[in-house]
Amino acid sequence: MAEFTISGRMKVKTVKANFKDAFGVGLRIYKGKKFADDEATISSLREKTGSDDLKIHGNMLVKSVEENINNIFGITVQVENK
């Protein structure tokens, strides 16, 4: 089963590429209402403080993935081609 970990040190472009490789669908990452810069790190986008990493498993619901990323990092994401 596919598994993927997001950490604050990762760049946006790396998260998107690794997510697509792991699950076969794209991930849109936002900073506010605009797409996040591909060179930005997740920690530079986060609105919540902390240093947690997030593991995403292939059996998670799309809604759960999006909510967990928002709860842990305080950033908005959308899974493409659900």
N, C-alpha and C. Protein backbone atom coordinates (compact mmCIF):
# COMPACT_ATOMS: atom_id res chain seq x y z
N MET A 1 0.84 -1.17 0.00
CA MET A 1 0.00 0.00 0.00
C MET A 1 0.89 1.25 0.00
N ALA A 2 0.49 2.23 -0.77
CA ALA A 2 1.27 3.45 -0.89
C ALA A 2 1.26 4.24 0.42
N GLU A 3 2.41 4.84 0.71
CA GLU A 3 2.54 5.68 1.89
C GLU A 3 3.43 6.85 1.52
N PHE A 4 3.16 7.98 2.11
CA PHE A 4 3.87 9.20 1.77
C PHE A 4 3.96 10.06 3.01
N THR A 5 5.11 10.67 3.24
CA THR A 5 5.31 11.54 4.40
C THR A 5 5.61 12.95 3.93
N ILE A 6 4.93 13.92 4.55
CA ILE A 6 5.18 15.33 4.28
C ILE A 6 5.85 15.92 5.51
N SER A 7 6.96 16.63 5.29
CA SER A 7 7.61 17.33 6.39
C SER A 7 7.76 18.80 6.01
N GLY A 8 7.94 19.63 6.99
CA GLY A 8 8.05 21.07 6.76
C GLY A 8 9.26 21.48 5.96
N ARG A 9 10.29 20.63 5.94
CA ARG A 9 11.52 20.96 5.21
C ARG A 9 11.41 20.74 3.71
N MET A 10 10.37 20.06 3.28
CA MET A 10 10.22 19.73 1.85
C MET A 10 9.76 20.94 1.05
N LYS A 11 10.24 21.02 -0.19
CA LYS A 11 9.78 22.07 -1.09
C LYS A 11 8.44 21.65 -1.69
N VAL A 12 7.66 22.63 -2.09
CA VAL A 12 6.34 22.39 -2.67
C VAL A 12 6.46 21.48 -3.89
N LYS A 13 7.43 21.73 -4.76
CA LYS A 13 7.56 20.92 -5.97
C LYS A 13 7.88 19.47 -5.64
N THR A 14 8.64 19.23 -4.59
CA THR A 14 8.97 17.88 -4.16
C THR A 14 7.75 17.16 -3.62
N VAL A 15 6.97 17.85 -2.80
CA VAL A 15 5.75 17.27 -2.25
C VAL A 15 4.81 16.87 -3.37
N LYS A 16 4.61 17.78 -4.34
CA LYS A 16 3.70 17.49 -5.44
C LYS A 16 4.19 16.31 -6.28
N ALA A 17 5.47 16.26 -6.58
CA ALA A 17 6.02 15.18 -7.40
C ALA A 17 5.95 13.84 -6.66
N ASN A 18 6.32 13.83 -5.39
CA ASN A 18 6.29 12.59 -4.62
C ASN A 18 4.87 12.10 -4.39
N PHE A 19 3.94 13.01 -4.20
CA PHE A 19 2.53 12.64 -4.01
C PHE A 19 2.00 11.99 -5.29
N LYS A 20 2.34 12.58 -6.43
CA LYS A 20 1.89 12.02 -7.71
C LYS A 20 2.50 10.64 -7.94
N ASP A 21 3.78 10.48 -7.61
CA ASP A 21 4.43 9.18 -7.77
C ASP A 21 3.79 8.12 -6.86
N ALA A 22 3.46 8.51 -5.64
CA ALA A 22 2.92 7.56 -4.66
C ALA A 22 1.48 7.17 -4.95
N PHE A 23 0.65 8.15 -5.36
CA PHE A 23 -0.79 7.90 -5.46
C PHE A 23 -1.37 8.05 -6.86
N GLY A 24 -0.59 8.56 -7.81
CA GLY A 24 -1.07 8.68 -9.18
C GLY A 24 -2.02 9.84 -9.44
N VAL A 25 -2.14 10.74 -8.48
CA VAL A 25 -2.96 11.94 -8.66
C VAL A 25 -2.16 13.16 -8.20
N GLY A 26 -2.54 14.31 -8.72
CA GLY A 26 -1.83 15.53 -8.38
C GLY A 26 -2.30 16.13 -7.07
N LEU A 27 -1.52 17.06 -6.56
CA LEU A 27 -1.84 17.77 -5.33
C LEU A 27 -1.62 19.26 -5.58
N ARG A 28 -2.64 20.05 -5.35
CA ARG A 28 -2.53 21.50 -5.47
C ARG A 28 -2.28 22.06 -4.08
N ILE A 29 -1.26 22.89 -3.96
CA ILE A 29 -0.90 23.49 -2.67
C ILE A 29 -1.05 24.99 -2.80
N TYR A 30 -1.74 25.58 -1.84
CA TYR A 30 -2.06 27.00 -1.89
C TYR A 30 -1.36 27.78 -0.78
N LYS A 31 -1.10 29.05 -1.08
CA LYS A 31 -0.71 30.03 -0.06
C LYS A 31 -1.78 31.10 -0.14
N GLY A 32 -2.67 31.07 0.81
CA GLY A 32 -3.84 31.94 0.74
C GLY A 32 -4.75 31.42 -0.36
N LYS A 33 -5.11 32.28 -1.29
CA LYS A 33 -5.99 31.88 -2.39
C LYS A 33 -5.22 31.61 -3.68
N LYS A 34 -3.90 31.77 -3.65
CA LYS A 34 -3.08 31.57 -4.83
C LYS A 34 -2.27 30.28 -4.69
N PHE A 35 -1.83 29.74 -5.82
CA PHE A 35 -0.96 28.57 -5.77
C PHE A 35 0.36 28.94 -5.10
N ALA A 36 0.88 28.04 -4.31
CA ALA A 36 2.15 28.27 -3.64
C ALA A 36 3.29 28.18 -4.64
N ASP A 37 4.35 28.94 -4.39
CA ASP A 37 5.55 28.91 -5.21
C ASP A 37 6.20 27.53 -5.07
N ASP A 38 6.59 26.94 -6.19
CA ASP A 38 7.20 25.61 -6.19
C ASP A 38 8.50 25.55 -5.40
N GLU A 39 9.18 26.66 -5.25
CA GLU A 39 10.47 26.67 -4.54
C GLU A 39 10.30 26.92 -3.04
N ALA A 40 9.09 27.25 -2.60
CA ALA A 40 8.85 27.50 -1.17
C ALA A 40 8.83 26.18 -0.41
N THR A 41 9.23 26.24 0.86
CA THR A 41 9.14 25.06 1.70
C THR A 41 7.77 25.03 2.37
N ILE A 42 7.36 23.86 2.79
CA ILE A 42 6.07 23.72 3.47
C ILE A 42 6.06 24.55 4.74
N SER A 43 7.17 24.57 5.47
CA SER A 43 7.21 25.34 6.72
C SER A 43 7.08 26.84 6.48
N SER A 44 7.53 27.33 5.33
CA SER A 44 7.39 28.76 5.04
C SER A 44 5.94 29.13 4.71
N LEU A 45 5.13 28.15 4.32
CA LEU A 45 3.72 28.40 4.00
C LEU A 45 2.83 28.26 5.22
N ARG A 46 3.28 27.50 6.20
CA ARG A 46 2.41 27.10 7.30
C ARG A 46 1.96 28.30 8.12
N GLU A 47 0.72 28.22 8.53
CA GLU A 47 0.14 29.25 9.38
C GLU A 47 0.12 28.80 10.84
N LYS A 48 0.34 27.53 11.07
CA LYS A 48 0.37 27.00 12.43
C LYS A 48 1.81 26.66 12.78
N THR A 49 2.18 26.88 14.02
CA THR A 49 3.53 26.54 14.43
C THR A 49 3.60 25.07 14.81
N GLY A 50 4.77 24.52 14.68
CA GLY A 50 4.96 23.12 15.02
C GLY A 50 5.96 22.50 14.08
N SER A 51 6.34 21.29 14.38
CA SER A 51 7.33 20.62 13.55
C SER A 51 6.88 19.21 13.19
N ASP A 52 5.59 18.98 13.19
CA ASP A 52 5.07 17.65 12.92
C ASP A 52 5.26 17.26 11.46
N ASP A 53 5.45 15.97 11.26
CA ASP A 53 5.41 15.39 9.93
C ASP A 53 4.07 14.70 9.80
N LEU A 54 3.63 14.49 8.59
CA LEU A 54 2.34 13.84 8.35
C LEU A 54 2.54 12.66 7.42
N LYS A 55 2.08 11.50 7.84
CA LYS A 55 2.10 10.31 6.99
C LYS A 55 0.73 10.15 6.35
N ILE A 56 0.74 9.97 5.04
CA ILE A 56 -0.50 9.77 4.29
C ILE A 56 -0.46 8.35 3.74
N HIS A 57 -1.53 7.63 3.98
CA HIS A 57 -1.63 6.24 3.53
C HIS A 57 -2.61 6.15 2.37
N GLY A 58 -2.44 5.17 1.52
CA GLY A 58 -3.26 4.99 0.34
C GLY A 58 -4.72 4.70 0.64
N ASN A 59 -5.03 4.25 1.85
CA ASN A 59 -6.42 3.93 2.18
C ASN A 59 -7.17 5.11 2.82
N MET A 60 -6.53 6.28 2.91
CA MET A 60 -7.19 7.45 3.48
C MET A 60 -8.13 8.07 2.46
N LEU A 61 -9.22 8.64 2.95
CA LEU A 61 -10.15 9.37 2.09
C LEU A 61 -9.53 10.70 1.67
N VAL A 62 -9.89 11.18 0.50
CA VAL A 62 -9.39 12.47 0.00
C VAL A 62 -9.69 13.57 1.01
N LYS A 63 -10.90 13.57 1.52
CA LYS A 63 -11.30 14.58 2.50
C LYS A 63 -10.39 14.54 3.73
N SER A 64 -10.04 13.34 4.17
CA SER A 64 -9.18 13.19 5.35
C SER A 64 -7.77 13.71 5.07
N VAL A 65 -7.26 13.43 3.89
CA VAL A 65 -5.93 13.92 3.51
C VAL A 65 -5.90 15.44 3.54
N GLU A 66 -6.88 16.06 2.89
CA GLU A 66 -6.93 17.52 2.83
C GLU A 66 -7.10 18.13 4.22
N GLU A 67 -7.95 17.55 5.05
CA GLU A 67 -8.17 18.07 6.40
C GLU A 67 -6.95 17.88 7.29
N ASN A 68 -6.29 16.73 7.19
CA ASN A 68 -5.11 16.48 8.01
C ASN A 68 -3.97 17.43 7.67
N ILE A 69 -3.77 17.70 6.39
CA ILE A 69 -2.72 18.64 5.99
C ILE A 69 -3.06 20.03 6.53
N ASN A 70 -4.32 20.41 6.45
CA ASN A 70 -4.72 21.70 6.98
C ASN A 70 -4.56 21.76 8.50
N ASN A 71 -4.93 20.70 9.19
CA ASN A 71 -4.83 20.69 10.65
C ASN A 71 -3.38 20.70 11.14
N ILE A 72 -2.50 19.97 10.46
CA ILE A 72 -1.11 19.86 10.90
C ILE A 72 -0.29 21.08 10.48
N PHE A 73 -0.42 21.49 9.21
CA PHE A 73 0.43 22.54 8.67
C PHE A 73 -0.28 23.89 8.52
N GLY A 74 -1.60 23.90 8.53
CA GLY A 74 -2.32 25.15 8.36
C GLY A 74 -2.30 25.66 6.93
N ILE A 75 -2.13 24.75 5.97
CA ILE A 75 -2.15 25.15 4.56
C ILE A 75 -3.30 24.42 3.85
N THR A 76 -3.78 25.04 2.80
CA THR A 76 -4.87 24.48 2.03
C THR A 76 -4.32 23.70 0.86
N VAL A 77 -4.84 22.49 0.66
CA VAL A 77 -4.46 21.68 -0.49
C VAL A 77 -5.72 21.10 -1.10
N GLN A 78 -5.61 20.70 -2.36
CA GLN A 78 -6.67 19.97 -3.05
C GLN A 78 -6.04 18.82 -3.80
N VAL A 79 -6.63 17.65 -3.64
CA VAL A 79 -6.20 16.48 -4.41
C VAL A 79 -6.86 16.59 -5.78
N GLU A 80 -6.06 16.49 -6.85
CA GLU A 80 -6.59 16.56 -8.21
C GLU A 80 -7.05 15.19 -8.67
N ASN A 81 -7.97 15.16 -9.62
CA ASN A 81 -8.43 13.92 -10.26
C ASN A 81 -8.84 12.87 -9.24
N LYS A 82 -9.66 13.28 -8.29
CA LYS A 82 -10.06 12.40 -7.19
C LYS A 82 -10.65 11.11 -7.67
